[in-house]
C-alpha atoms as a PDB file:
ATOM      1  CA  MET A   1    -115.849 -81.229-130.179  1.00  0.00           C
ATOM      2  CA  VAL A   2    -115.624 -77.889-128.398  1.00  0.00           C
ATOM      3  CA  GLU A   3    -114.662 -74.446-129.634  1.00  0.00           C
ATOM      4  CA  VAL A   4    -112.054 -72.723-127.501  1.00  0.00           C
ATOM      5  CA  THR A   5    -111.083 -69.050-127.623  1.00  0.00           C
ATOM      6  CA  LEU A   6    -107.405 -68.373-126.867  1.00  0.00           C
ATOM      7  CA  TRP A   7    -106.689 -65.030-125.237  1.00  0.00           C
ATOM      8  CA  GLY A   8    -103.652 -62.820-125.919  1.00  0.00           C
ATOM      9  CA  SER A   9    -100.277 -64.540-126.036  1.00  0.00           C
ATOM     10  CA  LEU A  10    -101.947 -67.957-126.109  1.00  0.00           C
ATOM     11  CA  ALA A  11    -103.245 -67.258-129.615  1.00  0.00           C
ATOM     12  CA  ALA A  12     -99.747 -66.311-130.786  1.00  0.00           C
ATOM     13  CA  ALA A  13     -98.397 -69.620-129.446  1.00  0.00           C
ATOM     14  CA  ALA A  14    -101.172 -71.451-131.304  1.00  0.00           C
ATOM     15  CA  GLU A  15     -99.922 -70.336-134.720  1.00  0.00           C
ATOM     16  CA  GLY A  16    -102.036 -67.177-134.552  1.00  0.00           C
ATOM     17  CA  ASN A  17    -105.323 -69.000-134.018  1.00  0.00           C
ATOM     18  CA  SER A  18    -107.589 -67.140-131.638  1.00  0.00           C
ATOM     19  CA  LYS A  19    -110.218 -69.899-131.851  1.00  0.00           C
ATOM     20  CA  VAL A  20    -109.708 -73.630-132.257  1.00  0.00           C
ATOM     21  CA  GLU A  21    -112.011 -76.612-132.334  1.00  0.00           C
ATOM     22  CA  ILE A  22    -110.740 -79.584-130.419  1.00  0.00           C
ATOM     23  CA  GLU A  23    -112.042 -82.946-129.267  1.00  0.00           C
ATOM     24  CA  ALA A  24    -111.932 -83.020-125.473  1.00  0.00           C
ATOM     25  CA  LYS A  25    -114.347 -84.021-122.716  1.00  0.00           C
ATOM     26  CA  ASN A  26    -112.662 -82.249-119.766  1.00  0.00           C
ATOM     27  CA  ILE A  27    -109.988 -79.669-118.975  1.00  0.00           C
ATOM     28  CA  ARG A  28    -107.203 -82.264-118.589  1.00  0.00           C
ATOM     29  CA  GLU A  29    -107.932 -83.677-122.044  1.00  0.00           C
ATOM     30  CA  LEU A  30    -108.196 -80.181-123.508  1.00  0.00           C
ATOM     31  CA  PHE A  31    -104.725 -79.243-122.261  1.00  0.00           C
ATOM     32  CA  ALA A  32    -103.228 -82.529-123.499  1.00  0.00           C
ATOM     33  CA  ARG A  33    -104.727 -82.162-126.979  1.00  0.00           C
ATOM     34  CA  LEU A  34    -103.722 -78.513-127.241  1.00  0.00           C
ATOM     35  CA  SER A  35    -100.124 -79.417-126.272  1.00  0.00           C
ATOM     36  CA  GLU A  36    -100.033 -82.076-128.984  1.00  0.00           C
ATOM     37  CA  ARG A  37    -101.441 -79.773-131.632  1.00  0.00           C
ATOM     38  CA  PHE A  38     -99.575 -76.601-130.616  1.00  0.00           C
ATOM     39  CA  PRO A  39     -96.294 -77.479-128.819  1.00  0.00           C
ATOM     40  CA  ARG A  40     -95.513 -73.770-128.241  1.00  0.00           C
ATOM     41  CA  LEU A  41     -98.500 -73.634-125.851  1.00  0.00           C
ATOM     42  CA  GLU A  42     -96.946 -76.177-123.483  1.00  0.00           C
ATOM     43  CA  PRO A  43     -94.589 -73.770-121.622  1.00  0.00           C
ATOM     44  CA  LEU A  44     -97.448 -71.302-121.181  1.00  0.00           C
ATOM     45  CA  MET A  45     -99.657 -74.040-119.788  1.00  0.00           C
ATOM     46  CA  ALA A  46     -96.891 -75.064-117.409  1.00  0.00           C
ATOM     47  CA  ARG A  47     -96.861 -71.506-115.994  1.00  0.00           C
ATOM     48  CA  GLY A  48    -100.606 -71.632-115.519  1.00  0.00           C
ATOM     49  CA  ILE A  49    -103.726 -71.129-117.579  1.00  0.00           C
ATOM     50  CA  ALA A  50    -107.209 -70.385-116.336  1.00  0.00           C
ATOM     51  CA  VAL A  51    -110.232 -71.792-118.128  1.00  0.00           C
ATOM     52  CA  ALA A  52    -113.486 -69.853-118.296  1.00  0.00           C
ATOM     53  CA  ILE A  53    -116.551 -71.951-119.090  1.00  0.00           C
ATOM     54  CA  ASP A  54    -119.729 -69.947-119.613  1.00  0.00           C
ATOM     55  CA  GLY A  55    -118.287 -67.123-117.517  1.00  0.00           C
ATOM     56  CA  THR A  56    -117.045 -69.209-114.561  1.00  0.00           C
ATOM     57  CA  ILE A  57    -113.258 -69.380-114.134  1.00  0.00           C
ATOM     58  CA  TYR A  58    -111.663 -72.715-113.239  1.00  0.00           C
ATOM     59  CA  ARG A  59    -108.090 -73.179-112.047  1.00  0.00           C
ATOM     60  CA  ASP A  60    -106.656 -76.645-111.434  1.00  0.00           C
ATOM     61  CA  THR A  61    -110.064 -78.289-111.866  1.00  0.00           C
ATOM     62  CA  TRP A  62    -108.772 -80.912-114.278  1.00  0.00           C
ATOM     63  CA  SER A  63    -111.848 -83.148-114.329  1.00  0.00           C
ATOM     64  CA  LYS A  64    -114.329 -80.330-115.085  1.00  0.00           C
ATOM     65  CA  GLU A  65    -116.380 -81.420-118.080  1.00  0.00           C
ATOM     66  CA  LEU A  66    -116.578 -79.249-121.179  1.00  0.00           C
ATOM     67  CA  PRO A  67    -120.240 -79.004-122.188  1.00  0.00           C
ATOM     68  CA  THR A  68    -121.042 -78.977-125.888  1.00  0.00           C
ATOM     69  CA  GLY A  69    -121.913 -75.470-127.026  1.00  0.00           C
ATOM     70  CA  ALA A  70    -120.349 -73.783-123.989  1.00  0.00           C
ATOM     71  CA  GLU A  71    -118.307 -70.594-124.300  1.00  0.00           C
ATOM     72  CA  ILE A  72    -114.779 -71.686-123.406  1.00  0.00           C
ATOM     73  CA  TYR A  73    -111.898 -69.238-123.015  1.00  0.00           C
ATOM     74  CA  LEU A  74    -108.293 -69.937-122.084  1.00  0.00           C
ATOM     75  CA  LEU A  75    -106.369 -67.081-120.533  1.00  0.00           C
ATOM     76  CA  PRO A  76    -103.024 -66.695-118.770  1.00  0.00           C
ATOM     77  CA  ARG A  77    -103.478 -67.162-115.036  1.00  0.00           C
ATOM     78  CA  LEU A  78    -103.340 -63.925-113.099  1.00  0.00           C
ATOM     79  CA  ALA A  79    -101.444 -63.651-109.845  1.00  0.00           C
ATOM     80  CA  GLY A  80    -103.308 -62.602-106.778  1.00  0.00           C
ATOM     81  CA  GLY A  81    -105.715 -63.811-104.160  1.00  0.00           C
END
């Protein structure tokens, strides 16, 4: 089980929850479980979400493991290089 902080509009799409606990071992599983639990998150995830794990941002790194006790933040992906 990991605790995930949802940033900005993601929290609104998750029924107002800014933090959720969810059973997931990697980013792919996290996104799948969040989609099941909060269907309004799915379109936002389709547009792109970045995942910050202990201060490092991951984009499209689906197999990245989610360590127990890590600080995990989901935020809308920013455009740019």
